[in-house]
Amino acid sequence: QDQLKESGGGSVQAGGSLTLSCSGPAPINFCWGWFRRAPGKELEGVASLFLRTGTDTPYYSSSVKGRFTISRDIPKNTLYLQMNALKPEDTALYYCAAYQSPCARNGELLDRPAGSSEWGQGTQVTVSS
């Protein structure tokens, strides 16, 4: 049984917005974030939070910084990815993952977890031009 469940994917025109949600457990001092795989391409890190008892630390890939926002609702155990100004190149299967830190190295978001991880089943995002 999947522990993480994504929702919110869909089809949208370029310039539009979508919000992805991921519900499930994610412990403190872990990373909780989003990855994507476009057809014919490698897995890519999109955005992650390093979960703290205080303020979480966000990390973004350069391709989405300024357009996407990652956040979480602690009481609801839900992670969100607000995606604005979507482009056709954002088309991919988006996965939610909770994984051991580090989330990034030298300030660059990792494209895949370095340690143990839990994954959702993925949700498709399609952006048409």
Protein backbone atom coordinates (compact mmCIF):
# COMPACT_ATOMS: atom_id res chain seq x y z
CA GLN A 1 0.00 0.00 0.00
CA ASP A 2 1.36 3.39 -1.04
CA GLN A 3 2.08 5.65 1.90
CA LEU A 4 2.21 8.79 -0.21
CA LYS A 5 -0.66 9.72 -2.51
CA GLU A 6 -0.52 12.49 -5.08
CA SER A 7 -3.43 14.32 -6.63
CA GLY A 8 -4.07 17.44 -8.67
CA GLY A 9 -2.50 16.61 -12.00
CA GLY A 10 -4.23 17.38 -15.25
CA SER A 11 -4.05 19.16 -18.56
CA VAL A 12 -3.62 22.89 -18.91
CA GLN A 13 -2.59 25.39 -21.54
CA ALA A 14 0.76 27.13 -21.42
CA GLY A 15 0.70 29.98 -18.95
CA GLY A 16 -1.85 28.25 -16.76
CA SER A 17 -1.61 26.96 -13.20
CA LEU A 18 -2.04 23.70 -11.34
CA THR A 19 -1.61 22.67 -7.72
CA LEU A 20 -0.38 19.21 -6.84
CA SER A 21 -1.03 17.67 -3.43
CA CYS A 22 0.67 14.81 -1.66
CA SER A 23 -0.72 13.32 1.52
CA GLY A 24 1.12 10.99 3.83
CA PRO A 25 3.69 10.76 6.58
CA ALA A 26 7.00 12.56 6.33
CA PRO A 27 9.29 12.74 9.37
CA ILE A 28 11.23 15.72 10.64
CA ASN A 29 14.81 15.98 9.37
CA PHE A 30 13.76 14.28 6.14
CA CYS A 31 13.20 15.80 2.72
CA TRP A 32 9.72 15.88 1.25
CA GLY A 33 9.49 16.91 -2.32
CA TRP A 34 8.57 16.53 -5.95
CA PHE A 35 10.35 14.85 -8.82
CA ARG A 36 9.28 14.49 -12.41
CA ARG A 37 10.03 12.32 -15.39
CA ALA A 38 9.28 13.60 -18.86
CA PRO A 39 8.96 11.14 -21.76
CA GLY A 40 12.40 9.95 -22.81
CA LYS A 41 14.17 11.91 -20.08
CA GLU A 42 15.82 11.18 -16.75
CA LEU A 43 14.22 11.75 -13.39
CA GLU A 44 14.51 15.39 -12.36
CA GLY A 45 14.23 17.04 -8.97
CA VAL A 46 11.62 19.81 -9.03
CA ALA A 47 11.29 21.14 -5.47
CA SER A 48 11.81 19.85 -1.95
CA LEU A 49 11.46 20.90 1.65
CA PHE A 50 13.89 19.96 4.37
CA LEU A 51 11.48 19.38 7.23
CA ARG A 52 12.33 21.11 10.49
CA THR A 53 10.52 21.70 13.77
CA GLY A 54 10.81 25.40 12.92
CA THR A 55 10.79 26.80 9.40
CA ASP A 56 11.31 24.29 6.60
CA THR A 57 14.05 24.95 4.06
CA PRO A 58 12.86 24.94 0.43
CA TYR A 59 14.95 23.95 -2.57
CA TYR A 60 14.02 24.44 -6.21
CA SER A 61 15.46 23.40 -9.51
CA SER A 62 16.59 26.30 -11.66
CA SER A 63 14.01 25.34 -14.29
CA VAL A 64 11.06 26.05 -11.96
CA LYS A 65 12.40 28.66 -9.54
CA GLY A 66 10.17 31.70 -9.52
CA ARG A 67 7.24 29.81 -11.05
CA PHE A 68 6.63 26.95 -8.61
CA THR A 69 6.12 27.13 -4.84
CA ILE A 70 6.42 24.20 -2.47
CA SER A 71 4.68 24.24 0.91
CA ARG A 72 3.12 21.91 3.44
CA ASP A 73 0.14 21.86 5.77
CA ILE A 74 1.39 20.23 8.95
CA PRO A 75 -1.98 19.31 10.56
CA LYS A 76 -3.13 17.76 7.28
CA ASN A 77 0.19 15.95 6.58
CA THR A 78 -0.04 17.32 3.07
CA LEU A 79 2.62 18.68 0.73
CA TYR A 80 1.69 21.08 -2.06
CA LEU A 81 3.30 22.22 -5.28
CA GLN A 82 1.76 25.38 -6.69
CA MET A 83 2.76 25.57 -10.34
CA ASN A 84 2.28 28.87 -12.18
CA ALA A 85 3.26 30.05 -15.66
CA LEU A 86 3.37 26.44 -16.84
CA LYS A 87 5.32 25.64 -20.00
CA PRO A 88 5.05 22.69 -22.38
CA GLU A 89 8.43 21.50 -21.11
CA ASP A 90 6.84 21.04 -17.65
CA THR A 91 4.87 18.13 -19.10
CA ALA A 92 5.84 15.04 -17.09
CA LEU A 93 4.76 12.44 -14.58
CA TYR A 94 5.21 14.11 -11.19
CA TYR A 95 6.13 12.05 -8.14
CA CYS A 96 6.02 12.91 -4.48
CA ALA A 97 8.78 11.43 -2.32
CA ALA A 98 9.84 11.50 1.31
CA TYR A 99 13.53 10.73 1.57
CA GLN A 100 16.62 10.93 3.70
CA SER A 101 18.60 14.13 3.53
CA PRO A 102 20.45 15.73 1.92
CA CYS A 103 17.85 17.38 -0.27
CA ALA A 104 20.57 19.27 -2.13
CA ARG A 105 24.33 19.52 -2.53
CA ASN A 106 26.12 22.82 -2.91
CA GLY A 107 22.69 24.46 -3.03
CA GLU A 108 21.60 22.35 -6.03
CA LEU A 109 18.52 20.18 -5.61
CA LEU A 110 19.31 16.50 -6.08
CA ASP A 111 17.72 14.80 -9.07
CA ARG A 112 17.19 11.61 -7.09
CA PRO A 113 17.33 10.71 -3.40
CA ALA A 114 20.72 9.65 -2.13
CA GLY A 115 19.29 7.48 0.67
CA SER A 116 16.13 5.61 1.55
CA SER A 117 12.89 6.96 0.16
CA GLU A 118 9.16 6.46 -0.08
CA TRP A 119 7.31 7.34 -3.29
CA GLY A 120 3.81 8.02 -4.48
CA GLN A 121 2.37 6.54 -7.62
CA GLY A 122 2.72 9.73 -9.67
CA THR A 123 0.33 12.19 -11.22
CA GLN A 124 0.42 13.34 -14.85
CA VAL A 125 0.80 17.00 -15.77
CA THR A 126 0.33 17.91 -19.42
CA VAL A 127 0.89 21.45 -20.68
CA SER A 128 -0.17 22.27 -24.22
CA SER A 129 1.16 25.16 -26.26
